C-alpha atoms as a PDB file:
ATOM      1  CA  MET A   1       2.616  -0.457  29.384  1.00  0.00           C
ATOM      2  CA  THR A   2      -0.275  -2.811  28.816  1.00  0.00           C
ATOM      3  CA  ALA A   3      -2.637  -2.314  25.893  1.00  0.00           C
ATOM      4  CA  ARG A   4      -6.271  -2.131  26.968  1.00  0.00           C
ATOM      5  CA  HIS A   5      -8.939  -3.344  24.559  1.00  0.00           C
ATOM      6  CA  THR A   6     -12.004  -1.493  23.416  1.00  0.00           C
ATOM      7  CA  SER A   7     -14.999  -2.751  21.479  1.00  0.00           C
ATOM      8  CA  ALA A   8     -14.434  -2.775  17.768  1.00  0.00           C
ATOM      9  CA  THR A   9     -15.402  -4.902  14.791  1.00  0.00           C
ATOM     10  CA  ALA A  10     -12.965  -7.826  14.448  1.00  0.00           C
ATOM     11  CA  ASN A  11     -10.494  -7.569  11.575  1.00  0.00           C
ATOM     12  CA  SER A  12     -11.550  -4.008  10.746  1.00  0.00           C
ATOM     13  CA  TRP A  13      -9.036  -1.400   9.648  1.00  0.00           C
ATOM     14  CA  THR A  14      -8.670   2.364   9.679  1.00  0.00           C
ATOM     15  CA  ILE A  15      -6.250   3.603   6.994  1.00  0.00           C
ATOM     16  CA  ILE A  16      -4.851   7.014   7.878  1.00  0.00           C
ATOM     17  CA  GLY A  17      -3.540   8.460   4.636  1.00  0.00           C
ATOM     18  CA  GLY A  18      -5.000   7.465   1.281  1.00  0.00           C
ATOM     19  CA  GLY A  19      -1.975   7.967  -0.966  1.00  0.00           C
ATOM     20  CA  GLN A  20      -0.279   5.443  -3.266  1.00  0.00           C
ATOM     21  CA  MET A  21       0.922   3.004  -0.643  1.00  0.00           C
ATOM     22  CA  GLY A  22      -2.294   3.050   1.318  1.00  0.00           C
ATOM     23  CA  ARG A  23      -4.165   2.378  -1.947  1.00  0.00           C
ATOM     24  CA  ALA A  24      -1.816  -0.492  -2.783  1.00  0.00           C
ATOM     25  CA  LEU A  25      -2.193  -2.191   0.619  1.00  0.00           C
ATOM     26  CA  VAL A  26      -5.968  -1.815   0.632  1.00  0.00           C
ATOM     27  CA  GLY A  27      -6.159  -3.108  -2.949  1.00  0.00           C
ATOM     28  CA  GLY A  28      -4.103  -6.136  -1.979  1.00  0.00           C
ATOM     29  CA  MET A  29      -6.212  -6.807   1.091  1.00  0.00           C
ATOM     30  CA  LEU A  30      -9.422  -6.667  -0.932  1.00  0.00           C
ATOM     31  CA  ALA A  31      -8.099  -8.682  -3.860  1.00  0.00           C
ATOM     32  CA  SER A  32      -6.988 -11.490  -1.580  1.00  0.00           C
ATOM     33  CA  ASP A  33     -10.094 -11.356   0.615  1.00  0.00           C
ATOM     34  CA  VAL A  34      -8.071 -10.483   3.722  1.00  0.00           C
ATOM     35  CA  VAL A  35     -10.899  -8.081   4.594  1.00  0.00           C
ATOM     36  CA  GLN A  36     -14.057  -6.878   2.935  1.00  0.00           C
ATOM     37  CA  ALA A  37     -14.584  -3.283   1.759  1.00  0.00           C
ATOM     38  CA  ASP A  38     -17.069  -2.536   4.520  1.00  0.00           C
ATOM     39  CA  GLN A  39     -14.427  -3.404   7.103  1.00  0.00           C
ATOM     40  CA  ILE A  40     -12.125  -0.593   5.951  1.00  0.00           C
ATOM     41  CA  LYS A  41     -12.356   3.130   6.773  1.00  0.00           C
ATOM     42  CA  VAL A  42     -10.076   5.655   5.180  1.00  0.00           C
ATOM     43  CA  VAL A  43      -9.083   8.972   6.704  1.00  0.00           C
ATOM     44  CA  GLU A  44      -7.874  11.291   3.931  1.00  0.00           C
ATOM     45  CA  PRO A  45      -8.268  15.061   3.976  1.00  0.00           C
ATOM     46  CA  ASN A  46      -7.075  15.700   0.423  1.00  0.00           C
ATOM     47  CA  ALA A  47     -10.021  16.277  -1.953  1.00  0.00           C
ATOM     48  CA  GLU A  48      -8.286  14.845  -4.987  1.00  0.00           C
ATOM     49  CA  SER A  49      -7.372  11.671  -3.076  1.00  0.00           C
ATOM     50  CA  GLN A  50     -10.896  11.452  -1.706  1.00  0.00           C
ATOM     51  CA  ALA A  51     -12.175  11.511  -5.291  1.00  0.00           C
ATOM     52  CA  TRP A  52      -9.870   8.634  -6.225  1.00  0.00           C
ATOM     53  CA  TRP A  53     -11.251   6.524  -3.407  1.00  0.00           C
ATOM     54  CA  ALA A  54     -14.820   7.335  -4.260  1.00  0.00           C
ATOM     55  CA  ALA A  55     -14.236   6.430  -7.860  1.00  0.00           C
ATOM     56  CA  ASN A  56     -12.041   3.331  -7.444  1.00  0.00           C
ATOM     57  CA  GLN A  57     -13.003   1.873  -4.093  1.00  0.00           C
ATOM     58  CA  PRO A  58     -16.636   2.956  -3.561  1.00  0.00           C
ATOM     59  CA  GLY A  59     -17.211   0.260  -0.949  1.00  0.00           C
ATOM     60  CA  VAL A  60     -14.618   1.754   1.348  1.00  0.00           C
ATOM     61  CA  ALA A  61     -15.919   4.484   3.694  1.00  0.00           C
ATOM     62  CA  LEU A  62     -14.221   7.874   3.839  1.00  0.00           C
ATOM     63  CA  THR A  63     -14.529   9.257   7.299  1.00  0.00           C
ATOM     64  CA  GLU A  64     -12.921  11.148  10.167  1.00  0.00           C
ATOM     65  CA  LEU A  65     -10.202   9.952  12.537  1.00  0.00           C
ATOM     66  CA  ALA A  66     -12.240  10.475  15.707  1.00  0.00           C
ATOM     67  CA  SER A  67     -15.058   8.127  14.530  1.00  0.00           C
ATOM     68  CA  ALA A  68     -13.030   5.650  12.440  1.00  0.00           C
ATOM     69  CA  VAL A  69     -10.429   4.506  14.986  1.00  0.00           C
ATOM     70  CA  PRO A  70     -12.775   3.514  17.884  1.00  0.00           C
ATOM     71  CA  ALA A  71     -14.707   1.244  15.505  1.00  0.00           C
ATOM     72  CA  SER A  72     -11.597  -0.553  14.143  1.00  0.00           C
ATOM     73  CA  SER A  73      -9.415  -3.273  15.535  1.00  0.00           C
ATOM     74  CA  ALA A  74      -6.298  -2.119  13.673  1.00  0.00           C
ATOM     75  CA  VAL A  75      -4.873   1.111  12.282  1.00  0.00           C
ATOM     76  CA  LEU A  76      -2.496   1.627   9.379  1.00  0.00           C
ATOM     77  CA  ILE A  77      -0.663   4.972   9.481  1.00  0.00           C
ATOM     78  CA  ALA A  78       0.290   5.714   5.907  1.00  0.00           C
ATOM     79  CA  VAL A  79       1.304   9.412   6.120  1.00  0.00           C
ATOM     80  CA  LYS A  80       4.615  11.222   5.701  1.00  0.00           C
ATOM     81  CA  PRO A  81       7.006  10.825   8.670  1.00  0.00           C
ATOM     82  CA  ASN A  82       6.630  14.447   9.781  1.00  0.00           C
ATOM     83  CA  VAL A  83       2.870  13.964  10.169  1.00  0.00           C
ATOM     84  CA  VAL A  84       2.941  10.829  12.326  1.00  0.00           C
ATOM     85  CA  SER A  85       3.360  12.706  15.613  1.00  0.00           C
ATOM     86  CA  LYS A  86       0.293  14.862  14.779  1.00  0.00           C
ATOM     87  CA  VAL A  87      -1.729  11.749  13.980  1.00  0.00           C
ATOM     88  CA  LEU A  88      -0.757  10.079  17.299  1.00  0.00           C
ATOM     89  CA  ASP A  89      -1.393  13.191  19.375  1.00  0.00           C
ATOM     90  CA  GLN A  90      -4.886  12.224  20.528  1.00  0.00           C
ATOM     91  CA  PRO A  91      -6.627  12.127  23.952  1.00  0.00           C
ATOM     92  CA  ASN A  92      -5.448   9.578  26.504  1.00  0.00           C
ATOM     93  CA  GLY A  93      -6.766   6.091  25.742  1.00  0.00           C
ATOM     94  CA  PHE A  94      -7.602   6.880  22.137  1.00  0.00           C
ATOM     95  CA  TRP A  95      -5.336   4.064  20.789  1.00  0.00           C
ATOM     96  CA  ASP A  96      -6.086   1.544  23.503  1.00  0.00           C
ATOM     97  CA  GLY A  97      -6.692  -1.973  22.189  1.00  0.00           C
ATOM     98  CA  LYS A  98      -5.631  -1.081  18.637  1.00  0.00           C
ATOM     99  CA  LEU A  99      -2.888  -2.755  16.622  1.00  0.00           C
ATOM    100  CA  VAL A 100      -1.039   0.322  15.324  1.00  0.00           C
ATOM    101  CA  VAL A 101       0.976  -0.190  12.117  1.00  0.00           C
ATOM    102  CA  SER A 102       3.111   2.554  10.557  1.00  0.00           C
ATOM    103  CA  ILE A 103       4.716   2.572   7.144  1.00  0.00           C
ATOM    104  CA  ALA A 104       6.329   5.996   7.714  1.00  0.00           C
ATOM    105  CA  ALA A 105      10.057   5.801   6.977  1.00  0.00           C
ATOM    106  CA  GLY A 106      12.349   6.387   9.964  1.00  0.00           C
ATOM    107  CA  VAL A 107       9.605   6.529  12.680  1.00  0.00           C
ATOM    108  CA  SER A 108      10.860   4.217  15.394  1.00  0.00           C
ATOM    109  CA  LEU A 109       8.950   1.693  17.485  1.00  0.00           C
ATOM    110  CA  GLU A 110       9.746   3.858  20.494  1.00  0.00           C
ATOM    111  CA  THR A 111       8.083   6.862  18.911  1.00  0.00           C
ATOM    112  CA  LEU A 112       5.042   4.809  17.884  1.00  0.00           C
ATOM    113  CA  SER A 113       4.747   3.237  21.326  1.00  0.00           C
ATOM    114  CA  ALA A 114       5.047   6.563  23.140  1.00  0.00           C
ATOM    115  CA  GLY A 115       2.382   8.079  20.903  1.00  0.00           C
ATOM    116  CA  ALA A 116      -0.027   5.123  21.081  1.00  0.00           C
ATOM    117  CA  GLY A 117       0.406   4.658  24.815  1.00  0.00           C
ATOM    118  CA  HIS A 118       1.230   0.967  24.462  1.00  0.00           C
ATOM    119  CA  GLY A 119       3.642  -1.454  22.819  1.00  0.00           C
ATOM    120  CA  ARG A 120       1.286  -3.115  20.356  1.00  0.00           C
ATOM    121  CA  VAL A 121       2.869  -1.279  17.471  1.00  0.00           C
ATOM    122  CA  VAL A 122       4.492  -2.344  14.208  1.00  0.00           C
ATOM    123  CA  ARG A 123       6.969  -0.508  12.005  1.00  0.00           C
ATOM    124  CA  VAL A 124       6.961  -1.438   8.326  1.00  0.00           C
ATOM    125  CA  MET A 125       9.203  -0.578   5.392  1.00  0.00           C
ATOM    126  CA  PRO A 126       7.342  -1.472   2.189  1.00  0.00           C
ATOM    127  CA  ASN A 127       8.514  -0.599  -1.326  1.00  0.00           C
ATOM    128  CA  THR A 128       6.836   0.690  -4.408  1.00  0.00           C
ATOM    129  CA  PRO A 129       6.433  -2.620  -6.306  1.00  0.00           C
ATOM    130  CA  SER A 130       3.673  -3.239  -3.723  1.00  0.00           C
ATOM    131  CA  LEU A 131       1.622  -1.128  -6.131  1.00  0.00           C
ATOM    132  CA  VAL A 132       1.621  -4.073  -8.529  1.00  0.00           C
ATOM    133  CA  GLY A 133       1.499  -6.858  -5.944  1.00  0.00           C
ATOM    134  CA  ALA A 134       5.248  -7.560  -6.132  1.00  0.00           C
ATOM    135  CA  GLY A 135       6.496  -5.688  -3.056  1.00  0.00           C
ATOM    136  CA  ALA A 136       9.248  -6.595  -0.624  1.00  0.00           C
ATOM    137  CA  SER A 137       8.229  -5.446   2.858  1.00  0.00           C
ATOM    138  CA  ALA A 138      10.117  -5.810   6.169  1.00  0.00           C
ATOM    139  CA  TYR A 139       8.644  -5.142   9.554  1.00  0.00           C
ATOM    140  CA  CYS A 140       9.632  -5.057  13.215  1.00  0.00           C
ATOM    141  CA  VAL A 141       7.364  -5.272  16.206  1.00  0.00           C
ATOM    142  CA  GLY A 142       6.817  -3.631  19.577  1.00  0.00           C
ATOM    143  CA  SER A 143       6.908  -5.305  22.986  1.00  0.00           C
ATOM    144  CA  GLU A 144       3.203  -6.140  23.162  1.00  0.00           C
ATOM    145  CA  VAL A 145       2.654  -7.502  19.670  1.00  0.00           C
ATOM    146  CA  THR A 146       1.206 -10.997  19.814  1.00  0.00           C
ATOM    147  CA  GLN A 147       1.664 -13.969  17.494  1.00  0.00           C
ATOM    148  CA  PRO A 148      -1.832 -13.414  16.020  1.00  0.00           C
ATOM    149  CA  ASP A 149      -0.765  -9.775  15.365  1.00  0.00           C
ATOM    150  CA  ARG A 150       2.255 -11.054  13.502  1.00  0.00           C
ATOM    151  CA  GLN A 151      -0.003 -13.311  11.425  1.00  0.00           C
ATOM    152  CA  THR A 152      -2.200 -10.324  10.682  1.00  0.00           C
ATOM    153  CA  ILE A 153       0.852  -8.298   9.487  1.00  0.00           C
ATOM    154  CA  ASP A 154       2.138 -11.235   7.404  1.00  0.00           C
ATOM    155  CA  THR A 155      -1.292 -11.521   5.753  1.00  0.00           C
ATOM    156  CA  LEU A 156      -1.563  -7.778   5.164  1.00  0.00           C
ATOM    157  CA  LEU A 157       1.888  -7.390   3.587  1.00  0.00           C
ATOM    158  CA  GLY A 158       1.715 -10.801   1.917  1.00  0.00           C
ATOM    159  CA  ALA A 159      -1.293  -9.560  -0.073  1.00  0.00           C
ATOM    160  CA  VAL A 160       1.072  -7.243  -1.936  1.00  0.00           C
ATOM    161  CA  GLY A 161       4.246  -9.340  -2.131  1.00  0.00           C
ATOM    162  CA  LEU A 162       6.934 -10.688   0.215  1.00  0.00           C
ATOM    163  CA  ALA A 163       6.852  -9.991   3.955  1.00  0.00           C
ATOM    164  CA  VAL A 164       9.717 -10.639   6.395  1.00  0.00           C
ATOM    165  CA  GLU A 165      10.158  -9.815  10.096  1.00  0.00           C
ATOM    166  CA  VAL A 166      13.478  -8.201  11.095  1.00  0.00           C
ATOM    167  CA  GLU A 167      15.018  -6.550  14.113  1.00  0.00           C
ATOM    168  CA  GLN A 168      14.566  -2.795  14.327  1.00  0.00           C
ATOM    169  CA  SER A 169      18.375  -2.429  14.094  1.00  0.00           C
ATOM    170  CA  GLN A 170      18.117  -3.820  10.569  1.00  0.00           C
ATOM    171  CA  MET A 171      15.431  -1.446   9.328  1.00  0.00           C
ATOM    172  CA  ASP A 172      17.876   1.183   8.011  1.00  0.00           C
ATOM    173  CA  ALA A 173      19.642  -1.456   5.945  1.00  0.00           C
ATOM    174  CA  VAL A 174      16.254  -2.648   4.652  1.00  0.00           C
ATOM    175  CA  THR A 175      15.520   0.930   3.661  1.00  0.00           C
ATOM    176  CA  GLY A 176      18.830   1.152   1.782  1.00  0.00           C
ATOM    177  CA  LEU A 177      18.265  -2.125  -0.009  1.00  0.00           C
ATOM    178  CA  SER A 178      14.604  -2.919  -0.746  1.00  0.00           C
ATOM    179  CA  GLY A 179      13.145   0.451   0.168  1.00  0.00           C
ATOM    180  CA  SER A 180      15.374   2.403  -2.196  1.00  0.00           C
ATOM    181  CA  GLY A 181      16.245  -0.541  -4.449  1.00  0.00           C
ATOM    182  CA  PRO A 182      13.433  -0.010  -7.004  1.00  0.00           C
ATOM    183  CA  ALA A 183      15.132   3.266  -8.001  1.00  0.00           C
ATOM    184  CA  TYR A 184      18.454   1.422  -8.576  1.00  0.00           C
ATOM    185  CA  VAL A 185      16.713  -1.207 -10.730  1.00  0.00           C
ATOM    186  CA  CYS A 186      14.947   1.491 -12.719  1.00  0.00           C
ATOM    187  CA  LEU A 187      18.323   3.113 -13.393  1.00  0.00           C
ATOM    188  CA  ILE A 188      19.730  -0.242 -14.520  1.00  0.00           C
ATOM    189  CA  ILE A 189      16.830  -0.882 -16.871  1.00  0.00           C
ATOM    190  CA  GLU A 190      17.135   2.623 -18.280  1.00  0.00           C
ATOM    191  CA  ALA A 191      20.875   2.157 -18.771  1.00  0.00           C
ATOM    192  CA  LEU A 192      20.427  -1.199 -20.469  1.00  0.00           C
ATOM    193  CA  ALA A 193      17.918   0.318 -22.800  1.00  0.00           C
ATOM    194  CA  ASP A 194      20.287   3.190 -23.563  1.00  0.00           C
ATOM    195  CA  GLY A 195      22.958   0.672 -24.426  1.00  0.00           C
ATOM    196  CA  GLY A 196      20.552  -1.045 -26.806  1.00  0.00           C
ATOM    197  CA  VAL A 197      19.742   2.293 -28.485  1.00  0.00           C
ATOM    198  CA  ALA A 198      23.432   3.088 -28.723  1.00  0.00           C
ATOM    199  CA  SER A 199      23.920  -0.262 -30.432  1.00  0.00           C
ATOM    200  CA  GLY A 200      21.196   0.430 -33.000  1.00  0.00           C
ATOM    201  CA  LEU A 201      17.900  -0.720 -31.483  1.00  0.00           C
ATOM    202  CA  PRO A 202      14.759   1.418 -31.539  1.00  0.00           C
ATOM    203  CA  ARG A 203      14.030   2.963 -28.116  1.00  0.00           C
ATOM    204  CA  SER A 204      10.703   1.197 -27.575  1.00  0.00           C
ATOM    205  CA  LEU A 205      12.178  -2.225 -28.455  1.00  0.00           C
ATOM    206  CA  ALA A 206      15.276  -1.652 -26.274  1.00  0.00           C
ATOM    207  CA  MET A 207      13.058  -0.726 -23.313  1.00  0.00           C
ATOM    208  CA  LYS A 208      10.867  -3.810 -23.736  1.00  0.00           C
ATOM    209  CA  LEU A 209      13.857  -6.127 -23.966  1.00  0.00           C
ATOM    210  CA  ALA A 210      15.653  -4.514 -21.031  1.00  0.00           C
ATOM    211  CA  THR A 211      12.548  -4.611 -18.818  1.00  0.00           C
ATOM    212  CA  GLN A 212      11.710  -8.248 -19.592  1.00  0.00           C
ATOM    213  CA  THR A 213      15.342  -9.270 -19.173  1.00  0.00           C
ATOM    214  CA  VAL A 214      15.473  -7.876 -15.593  1.00  0.00           C
ATOM    215  CA  LEU A 215      12.029  -9.311 -14.776  1.00  0.00           C
ATOM    216  CA  GLY A 216      12.803 -12.717 -16.187  1.00  0.00           C
ATOM    217  CA  THR A 217      16.191 -12.937 -14.557  1.00  0.00           C
ATOM    218  CA  ALA A 218      14.696 -12.060 -11.150  1.00  0.00           C
ATOM    219  CA  GLN A 219      12.026 -14.698 -11.547  1.00  0.00           C
ATOM    220  CA  MET A 220      14.645 -17.241 -12.602  1.00  0.00           C
ATOM    221  CA  ILE A 221      16.675 -16.607  -9.446  1.00  0.00           C
ATOM    222  CA  GLN A 222      13.576 -16.684  -7.251  1.00  0.00           C
ATOM    223  CA  GLN A 223      12.046 -19.835  -8.762  1.00  0.00           C
ATOM    224  CA  THR A 224      15.225 -21.939  -9.130  1.00  0.00           C
ATOM    225  CA  GLY A 225      16.897 -20.894  -5.871  1.00  0.00           C
ATOM    226  CA  ARG A 226      20.233 -20.847  -7.629  1.00  0.00           C
ATOM    227  CA  HIS A 227      22.849 -18.288  -6.710  1.00  0.00           C
ATOM    228  CA  PRO A 228      23.067 -15.309  -9.134  1.00  0.00           C
ATOM    229  CA  ALA A 229      26.740 -15.989  -9.647  1.00  0.00           C
ATOM    230  CA  GLU A 230      25.938 -19.521 -10.808  1.00  0.00           C
ATOM    231  CA  LEU A 231      23.354 -18.270 -13.329  1.00  0.00           C
ATOM    232  CA  LYS A 232      25.757 -15.551 -14.487  1.00  0.00           C
ATOM    233  CA  ASP A 233      28.506 -18.099 -15.118  1.00  0.00           C
ATOM    234  CA  ALA A 234      26.076 -20.242 -17.105  1.00  0.00           C
ATOM    235  CA  VAL A 235      25.589 -17.386 -19.595  1.00  0.00           C
ATOM    236  CA  ALA A 236      29.278 -16.367 -19.786  1.00  0.00           C
ATOM    237  CA  SER A 237      30.878 -18.799 -22.226  1.00  0.00           C
ATOM    238  CA  PRO A 238      34.668 -18.620 -22.759  1.00  0.00           C
ATOM    239  CA  GLY A 239      35.718 -15.777 -25.058  1.00  0.00           C
ATOM    240  CA  GLY A 240      32.047 -14.899 -25.710  1.00  0.00           C
ATOM    241  CA  THR A 241      29.931 -11.769 -25.765  1.00  0.00           C
ATOM    242  CA  THR A 242      28.646 -11.983 -22.167  1.00  0.00           C
ATOM    243  CA  ILE A 243      32.113 -12.180 -20.561  1.00  0.00           C
ATOM    244  CA  ALA A 244      33.152  -9.185 -22.633  1.00  0.00           C
ATOM    245  CA  GLY A 245      30.164  -7.251 -21.260  1.00  0.00           C
ATOM    246  CA  LEU A 246      30.837  -8.414 -17.689  1.00  0.00           C
ATOM    247  CA  ASN A 247      34.425  -7.252 -18.007  1.00  0.00           C
ATOM    248  CA  ALA A 248      33.170  -3.797 -19.036  1.00  0.00           C
ATOM    249  CA  LEU A 249      30.851  -3.692 -16.040  1.00  0.00           C
ATOM    250  CA  GLU A 250      33.675  -4.490 -13.655  1.00  0.00           C
ATOM    251  CA  GLN A 251      35.937  -1.931 -15.256  1.00  0.00           C
ATOM    252  CA  ASN A 252      33.230   0.698 -14.800  1.00  0.00           C
ATOM    253  CA  GLY A 253      32.610  -0.215 -11.158  1.00  0.00           C
ATOM    254  CA  VAL A 254      28.995  -1.251 -11.446  1.00  0.00           C
ATOM    255  CA  ARG A 255      29.209  -3.818  -8.661  1.00  0.00           C
ATOM    256  CA  GLY A 256      30.941  -1.403  -6.303  1.00  0.00           C
ATOM    257  CA  GLY A 257      28.533   1.390  -7.257  1.00  0.00           C
ATOM    258  CA  LEU A 258      25.532  -0.651  -6.283  1.00  0.00           C
ATOM    259  CA  ILE A 259      27.041  -1.700  -2.989  1.00  0.00           C
ATOM    260  CA  ALA A 260      27.916   1.942  -2.310  1.00  0.00           C
ATOM    261  CA  ALA A 261      24.369   3.004  -3.157  1.00  0.00           C
ATOM    262  CA  VAL A 262      22.835   0.636  -0.600  1.00  0.00           C
ATOM    263  CA  ASN A 263      25.403   1.795   2.024  1.00  0.00           C
ATOM    264  CA  ALA A 264      24.743   5.452   1.272  1.00  0.00           C
ATOM    265  CA  ALA A 265      20.977   5.039   1.508  1.00  0.00           C
ATOM    266  CA  THR A 266      21.342   3.102   4.733  1.00  0.00           C
ATOM    267  CA  ALA A 267      23.489   5.861   6.238  1.00  0.00           C
ATOM    268  CA  ARG A 268      20.994   8.500   5.143  1.00  0.00           C
ATOM    269  CA  SER A 269      18.099   6.491   6.692  1.00  0.00           C
ATOM    270  CA  LYS A 270      19.989   6.469  10.014  1.00  0.00           C
ATOM    271  CA  GLU A 271      20.461  10.259   9.772  1.00  0.00           C
ATOM    272  CA  LEU A 272      16.731  10.846   9.078  1.00  0.00           C
ATOM    273  CA  GLY A 273      15.722   8.473  11.898  1.00  0.00           C
END
């Protein structure tokens, strides 16, 4: 299949689905000057969501699918997986010349390509920290995606955090790790705070300390490039408090539990796909 090109404004986007992730990506694009507000059209049938866009992004046009897509060079499908097929079910040639990007979990490149009628399609797995510009997004590309298209995707996703290209065969593992990972980290922060409360700290203080500890440690690993095990050993002095705590974690299977969580989420992603 060869994508045919139709006239559209360069670097213009239609966002199909104006929920949390669509809002985050548009916000990142605007904040980093990837596009201007008048280059974005949002297709969102929900009245409450429409009101959010009108109040928070008044420069972005709310419009209908039939008029938005032909005037755009790229389309971001940000709807639930079970709605993607309905979105793609349009008259022949409707998606010609469009870079079609989907963030719907489990929807394969083959499904996107069949629906769009060409291979200029991209599958993305973002995660919720994209809402605060600290996301970790992975993407894989269809057979007709060009190098400039890749640069467009890197810029789009880079506006809200880290962007990496992977093989489609790795997307389920990405889902199990970075897609589901924020929930695991939230559980860890909650548990650390609970431990602080159990040891006598006020709840609000325990939560502040736990959150900042996780945030600071992640930044330290990222900025120094040192292996987590090396940084862990630097804290664990002989016979000290940290090694006692690490021993308790090992006895309670924390390491194995996290590995199992990623594997279980990966397996579930394969089932859903």
